[in-house]
Amino acid sequence: MTSFEEAETEETAACLHMTFYHPCQDDKMMFRCLNFCKREQVRADEMAKFGRDPNICHYNLVDTRVSRIQFSLQFYRKPNSSELCFEIKNMSKKTKLFVDHTELGYLNKIDLPWKCIVCFGDYQILMEIQEGESLDYFETHLYLSKVPILQEKCIPLVQPLPENSIIPSLFPSQGKSPIEIDENES
């Protein structure tokens, strides 16, 4: 056998892709301590902590409005399953954490969906999980967004359509007023 045939199969690691946005990033540089565009390994038995305190949090946000530990992520495997998941936990007593439309108070936790938006204060983080097999570690890959992740959509008010499906704005009445007709008349 060759060394190629004897080599162990390479395991891929689950990767949590996170895209960060804050409206004041250009002025206040609150993400300056984060390592963008480079994958980092985190041991599976460690909790990934995000917050203001660099002595406790590996992912440091430089902002006095952020809690010492804002939130944590725990990597785990479901019982009787090979499925690898992440759990997100709000560690802030002052600020609620929103995972998509779910509000988490202090010490509340939920499973992280495969793709979601996490918000607290003016912070927006798009989180996407890429599957992997490794049970020893997972990876994080951070990105910085210049535009808001949550775009407020201004949906114009839609006029009700008449039964004949003709949209009134496409056919101006040219000064004519509507005429009421009894349905029995021809």
Protein backbone atom coordinates (compact mmCIF):
# COMPACT_ATOMS: atom_id res chain seq x y z
CA MET A 1 0.00 0.00 0.00
CA THR A 2 1.09 3.53 -0.66
CA SER A 3 1.09 6.28 1.93
CA PHE A 4 -1.87 7.80 0.10
CA GLU A 5 -3.95 4.66 0.66
CA GLU A 6 -2.92 4.46 4.33
CA ALA A 7 -3.67 8.10 5.08
CA GLU A 8 -6.66 8.85 7.26
CA THR A 9 -9.72 10.32 5.62
CA GLU A 10 -9.75 14.07 6.06
CA GLU A 11 -12.65 15.25 8.20
CA THR A 12 -14.38 18.48 7.37
CA ALA A 13 -15.33 20.76 10.22
CA ALA A 14 -18.70 22.42 10.66
CA CYS A 15 -18.27 26.10 9.95
CA LEU A 16 -20.33 28.97 11.29
CA HIS A 17 -20.23 31.84 8.78
CA MET A 18 -21.08 35.17 10.44
CA THR A 19 -21.58 38.47 8.65
CA PHE A 20 -21.52 41.49 10.99
CA TYR A 21 -23.15 44.89 10.52
CA HIS A 22 -23.49 48.01 12.67
CA PRO A 23 -24.51 51.45 11.29
CA CYS A 24 -21.63 53.21 13.13
CA GLN A 25 -18.84 50.78 12.18
CA ASP A 26 -17.10 53.30 9.90
CA ASP A 27 -16.93 55.90 12.70
CA LYS A 28 -16.50 53.79 15.86
CA MET A 29 -14.76 50.66 14.51
CA MET A 30 -16.46 48.35 17.02
CA PHE A 31 -15.44 45.29 14.98
CA ARG A 32 -11.72 46.17 14.87
CA CYS A 33 -10.78 43.24 17.15
CA LEU A 34 -12.53 40.61 15.02
CA ASN A 35 -10.51 38.56 12.56
CA PHE A 36 -12.38 38.85 9.25
CA CYS A 37 -12.05 36.66 6.16
CA LYS A 38 -9.98 33.96 7.87
CA ARG A 39 -11.34 30.73 9.27
CA GLU A 40 -10.58 30.07 12.91
CA GLN A 41 -10.83 26.76 14.72
CA VAL A 42 -12.69 26.48 18.02
CA ARG A 43 -12.46 23.34 20.13
CA ALA A 44 -15.79 21.52 20.35
CA ASP A 45 -15.77 21.59 24.15
CA GLU A 46 -15.25 25.37 24.30
CA MET A 47 -18.01 27.95 24.33
CA ALA A 48 -17.58 30.75 21.77
CA LYS A 49 -18.30 34.01 23.62
CA PHE A 50 -19.07 37.38 22.07
CA GLY A 51 -18.93 40.61 24.07
CA ARG A 52 -16.97 43.59 25.32
CA ASP A 53 -14.56 41.88 27.75
CA PRO A 54 -11.42 40.71 25.88
CA ASN A 55 -10.33 38.59 28.88
CA ILE A 56 -13.47 36.42 28.66
CA CYS A 57 -14.64 36.76 25.05
CA HIS A 58 -12.70 35.48 22.08
CA TYR A 59 -14.92 37.60 19.81
CA ASN A 60 -14.47 41.10 21.19
CA LEU A 61 -16.86 43.95 20.28
CA VAL A 62 -15.35 47.35 21.16
CA ASP A 63 -18.47 49.16 22.34
CA THR A 64 -19.42 50.27 25.87
CA ARG A 65 -23.10 49.52 25.10
CA VAL A 66 -22.27 45.83 24.59
CA SER A 67 -22.36 43.58 27.68
CA ARG A 68 -19.17 42.03 29.03
CA ILE A 69 -20.52 38.76 27.60
CA GLN A 70 -23.32 39.50 25.12
CA PHE A 71 -24.03 35.95 23.92
CA SER A 72 -22.42 32.55 23.64
CA LEU A 73 -22.48 29.74 21.10
CA GLN A 74 -22.14 26.09 22.09
CA PHE A 75 -21.40 23.34 19.58
CA TYR A 76 -23.07 20.00 20.35
CA ARG A 77 -24.38 16.75 18.91
CA LYS A 78 -27.99 15.71 19.37
CA PRO A 79 -28.57 12.48 21.36
CA ASN A 80 -28.81 9.31 19.27
CA SER A 81 -27.95 11.31 16.15
CA SER A 82 -24.95 12.31 14.10
CA GLU A 83 -26.41 15.79 13.59
CA LEU A 84 -24.11 18.59 14.79
CA CYS A 85 -25.77 21.78 15.99
CA PHE A 86 -25.15 25.13 17.63
CA GLU A 87 -26.99 26.59 20.57
CA ILE A 88 -27.12 30.35 21.13
CA LYS A 89 -27.58 31.78 24.63
CA ASN A 90 -28.22 35.40 25.66
CA MET A 91 -25.74 36.30 28.39
CA SER A 92 -26.78 39.97 28.73
CA LYS A 93 -28.97 41.09 31.62
CA LYS A 94 -29.69 44.43 29.92
CA THR A 95 -30.19 43.65 26.23
CA LYS A 96 -32.57 41.21 24.59
CA LEU A 97 -31.20 39.04 21.82
CA PHE A 98 -33.32 38.29 18.76
CA VAL A 99 -32.75 35.18 16.65
CA ASP A 100 -34.87 35.80 13.57
CA HIS A 101 -38.20 36.64 15.26
CA THR A 102 -37.54 34.84 18.55
CA GLU A 103 -36.76 37.06 21.54
CA LEU A 104 -34.29 35.72 24.08
CA GLY A 105 -34.03 37.27 27.54
CA TYR A 106 -31.16 36.78 29.96
CA LEU A 107 -29.96 33.13 30.03
CA ASN A 108 -32.54 32.04 27.44
CA LYS A 109 -31.15 29.75 24.76
CA ILE A 110 -32.31 28.07 21.55
CA ASP A 111 -30.89 25.97 18.75
CA LEU A 112 -29.42 28.12 16.03
CA PRO A 113 -31.30 27.65 12.73
CA TRP A 114 -29.18 26.77 9.68
CA LYS A 115 -29.54 30.36 8.50
CA CYS A 116 -30.73 33.21 10.68
CA ILE A 117 -30.24 36.84 11.63
CA VAL A 118 -29.18 37.60 15.19
CA CYS A 119 -29.84 41.14 16.47
CA PHE A 120 -29.17 43.08 19.67
CA GLY A 121 -29.15 46.86 19.91
CA ASP A 122 -28.03 48.14 16.49
CA TYR A 123 -26.00 45.00 15.79
CA GLN A 124 -27.03 42.62 13.03
CA ILE A 125 -25.31 39.29 12.42
CA LEU A 126 -26.22 36.91 9.62
CA MET A 127 -25.33 33.37 10.75
CA GLU A 128 -25.12 30.44 8.35
CA ILE A 129 -24.08 26.92 9.33
CA GLN A 130 -22.03 24.82 6.94
CA GLU A 131 -22.18 21.13 7.85
CA GLY A 132 -19.13 19.08 8.74
CA GLU A 133 -18.18 15.79 10.40
CA SER A 134 -15.49 16.67 12.94
CA LEU A 135 -16.42 16.15 16.58
CA ASP A 136 -13.18 17.72 17.86
CA TYR A 137 -13.64 21.27 16.64
CA PHE A 138 -15.70 23.64 14.51
CA GLU A 139 -14.66 26.69 12.54
CA THR A 140 -15.85 30.27 12.42
CA HIS A 141 -15.54 32.52 9.39
CA LEU A 142 -16.33 36.21 9.91
CA TYR A 143 -17.30 38.80 7.33
CA LEU A 144 -18.05 42.51 7.52
CA SER A 145 -21.04 44.01 5.72
CA LYS A 146 -21.18 47.67 4.68
CA VAL A 147 -24.96 47.51 4.22
CA PRO A 148 -27.67 46.53 6.72
CA ILE A 149 -28.47 42.84 6.77
CA LEU A 150 -32.05 43.63 7.73
CA GLN A 151 -33.40 45.80 4.96
CA GLU A 152 -36.67 47.41 5.87
CA LYS A 153 -38.92 46.77 2.92
CA CYS A 154 -41.27 49.54 2.01
CA ILE A 155 -44.15 47.77 0.33
CA PRO A 156 -46.46 50.22 -1.41
CA LEU A 157 -50.09 50.03 -0.53
CA VAL A 158 -51.82 47.90 -3.09
CA GLN A 159 -55.23 48.98 -4.32
CA PRO A 160 -57.85 46.26 -4.32
CA LEU A 161 -58.45 44.76 -7.76
CA PRO A 162 -61.95 44.93 -9.20
CA GLU A 163 -63.62 41.63 -10.07
CA ASN A 164 -62.93 42.13 -13.77
CA SER A 165 -59.17 42.24 -12.94
CA ILE A 166 -58.64 45.52 -14.75
CA ILE A 167 -56.25 47.70 -12.78
CA PRO A 168 -57.76 51.20 -12.66
CA SER A 169 -54.42 53.04 -12.74
CA LEU A 170 -53.58 51.48 -16.10
CA PHE A 171 -56.76 52.79 -17.70
CA PRO A 172 -57.42 56.34 -16.53
CA SER A 173 -61.06 57.29 -16.49
CA GLN A 174 -60.29 60.63 -18.20
CA GLY A 175 -62.67 62.60 -16.04
CA LYS A 176 -65.55 60.13 -16.23
CA SER A 177 -67.23 59.19 -13.02
CA PRO A 178 -68.07 55.55 -12.32
CA ILE A 179 -71.48 54.35 -13.44
CA GLU A 180 -73.43 51.99 -11.23
CA ILE A 181 -75.18 49.18 -13.14
CA ASP A 182 -77.61 46.66 -11.75
CA GLU A 183 -76.34 43.12 -12.42
CA ASN A 184 -79.72 42.24 -13.99
CA GLU A 185 -79.31 44.94 -16.63
CA SER A 186 -77.55 44.16 -19.86
